[in-house]
Amino acid sequence: MSAIAKAVKIIGSQTALANILGVKQAHVWNWLNIHKRAPAKYIRRIAASTEGQVSESELLMDHERP
């Protein structure tokens, strides 16, 4: 499971994460299903929104996977 998928599961939904980040739910869907990672500019906010259950390092590792 990718770190972004783990974050969505912890937060509760794609829509909830999108609202926290100020983006559309469709963006989160794309991160999950097409890109398999969150854009780097959102990594700190995603980690903070999961209260550390998903770390910045985990989210960055998604960028290293092919």
C-alpha atoms as a PDB file:
ATOM      1  CA  MET A   1       0.000   0.000   0.000  1.00  0.00           C
ATOM      2  CA  SER A   2       1.335   3.414  -0.899  1.00  0.00           C
ATOM      3  CA  ALA A   3       1.758   6.027   1.804  1.00  0.00           C
ATOM      4  CA  ILE A   4      -0.861   8.257   0.175  1.00  0.00           C
ATOM      5  CA  ALA A   5      -3.355   5.363   0.257  1.00  0.00           C
ATOM      6  CA  LYS A   6      -2.537   4.803   3.934  1.00  0.00           C
ATOM      7  CA  ALA A   7      -3.096   8.509   4.629  1.00  0.00           C
ATOM      8  CA  VAL A   8      -6.488   8.468   2.897  1.00  0.00           C
ATOM      9  CA  LYS A   9      -7.499   5.420   4.946  1.00  0.00           C
ATOM     10  CA  ILE A  10      -6.456   7.107   8.215  1.00  0.00           C
ATOM     11  CA  ILE A  11      -8.166  10.401   7.385  1.00  0.00           C
ATOM     12  CA  GLY A  12     -11.307   8.598   6.296  1.00  0.00           C
ATOM     13  CA  SER A  13     -11.867   9.510   2.662  1.00  0.00           C
ATOM     14  CA  GLN A  14     -10.434  11.132  -0.423  1.00  0.00           C
ATOM     15  CA  THR A  15     -12.869  14.002   0.025  1.00  0.00           C
ATOM     16  CA  ALA A  16     -11.768  14.634   3.606  1.00  0.00           C
ATOM     17  CA  LEU A  17      -8.098  14.766   2.572  1.00  0.00           C
ATOM     18  CA  ALA A  18      -8.942  17.018  -0.370  1.00  0.00           C
ATOM     19  CA  ASN A  19     -10.765  19.415   1.943  1.00  0.00           C
ATOM     20  CA  ILE A  20      -7.795  19.538   4.322  1.00  0.00           C
ATOM     21  CA  LEU A  21      -5.435  20.308   1.439  1.00  0.00           C
ATOM     22  CA  GLY A  22      -7.738  22.697  -0.394  1.00  0.00           C
ATOM     23  CA  VAL A  23      -7.852  20.633  -3.580  1.00  0.00           C
ATOM     24  CA  LYS A  24     -10.599  18.756  -5.412  1.00  0.00           C
ATOM     25  CA  GLN A  25     -11.316  15.130  -4.572  1.00  0.00           C
ATOM     26  CA  ALA A  26     -10.412  14.260  -8.172  1.00  0.00           C
ATOM     27  CA  HIS A  27      -6.833  15.362  -7.508  1.00  0.00           C
ATOM     28  CA  VAL A  28      -6.563  12.914  -4.608  1.00  0.00           C
ATOM     29  CA  TRP A  29      -8.066  10.178  -6.813  1.00  0.00           C
ATOM     30  CA  ASN A  30      -5.381  10.870  -9.431  1.00  0.00           C
ATOM     31  CA  TRP A  31      -2.638  10.692  -6.808  1.00  0.00           C
ATOM     32  CA  LEU A  32      -3.960   7.312  -5.650  1.00  0.00           C
ATOM     33  CA  ASN A  33      -4.792   5.685  -8.955  1.00  0.00           C
ATOM     34  CA  ILE A  34      -2.552   7.257 -11.585  1.00  0.00           C
ATOM     35  CA  HIS A  35       0.530   8.778  -9.983  1.00  0.00           C
ATOM     36  CA  LYS A  36       0.702   6.489  -6.904  1.00  0.00           C
ATOM     37  CA  ARG A  37       2.102   9.396  -4.871  1.00  0.00           C
ATOM     38  CA  ALA A  38       1.198  12.807  -3.525  1.00  0.00           C
ATOM     39  CA  PRO A  39       2.844  15.918  -4.943  1.00  0.00           C
ATOM     40  CA  ALA A  40       5.850  16.936  -2.869  1.00  0.00           C
ATOM     41  CA  LYS A  41       4.340  20.295  -1.928  1.00  0.00           C
ATOM     42  CA  TYR A  42       1.581  18.539   0.064  1.00  0.00           C
ATOM     43  CA  ILE A  43       3.718  16.000   1.928  1.00  0.00           C
ATOM     44  CA  ARG A  44       4.162  18.009   5.145  1.00  0.00           C
ATOM     45  CA  ARG A  45       0.452  18.815   5.374  1.00  0.00           C
ATOM     46  CA  ILE A  46      -0.560  15.208   4.720  1.00  0.00           C
ATOM     47  CA  ALA A  47       1.818  13.917   7.400  1.00  0.00           C
ATOM     48  CA  ALA A  48       0.509  16.511   9.859  1.00  0.00           C
ATOM     49  CA  SER A  49      -3.108  15.657   9.074  1.00  0.00           C
ATOM     50  CA  THR A  50      -2.458  12.001   9.967  1.00  0.00           C
ATOM     51  CA  GLU A  51      -0.878  13.130  13.248  1.00  0.00           C
ATOM     52  CA  GLY A  52       2.335  11.359  12.328  1.00  0.00           C
ATOM     53  CA  GLN A  53       0.763   7.995  11.512  1.00  0.00           C
ATOM     54  CA  VAL A  54       2.113   8.511   7.993  1.00  0.00           C
ATOM     55  CA  SER A  55       5.503  10.193   8.082  1.00  0.00           C
ATOM     56  CA  GLU A  56       7.003  12.602   5.585  1.00  0.00           C
ATOM     57  CA  SER A  57       9.651   9.950   4.887  1.00  0.00           C
ATOM     58  CA  GLU A  58       7.000   7.377   3.957  1.00  0.00           C
ATOM     59  CA  LEU A  59       5.320   9.836   1.614  1.00  0.00           C
ATOM     60  CA  LEU A  60       8.683  10.674   0.021  1.00  0.00           C
ATOM     61  CA  MET A  61       9.440   6.971  -0.513  1.00  0.00           C
ATOM     62  CA  ASP A  62       6.411   6.819  -2.822  1.00  0.00           C
ATOM     63  CA  HIS A  63       8.409   9.097  -5.152  1.00  0.00           C
ATOM     64  CA  GLU A  64      11.226   6.543  -5.325  1.00  0.00           C
ATOM     65  CA  ARG A  65       8.999   3.669  -6.444  1.00  0.00           C
ATOM     66  CA  PRO A  66       8.647   3.057 -10.178  1.00  0.00           C
END
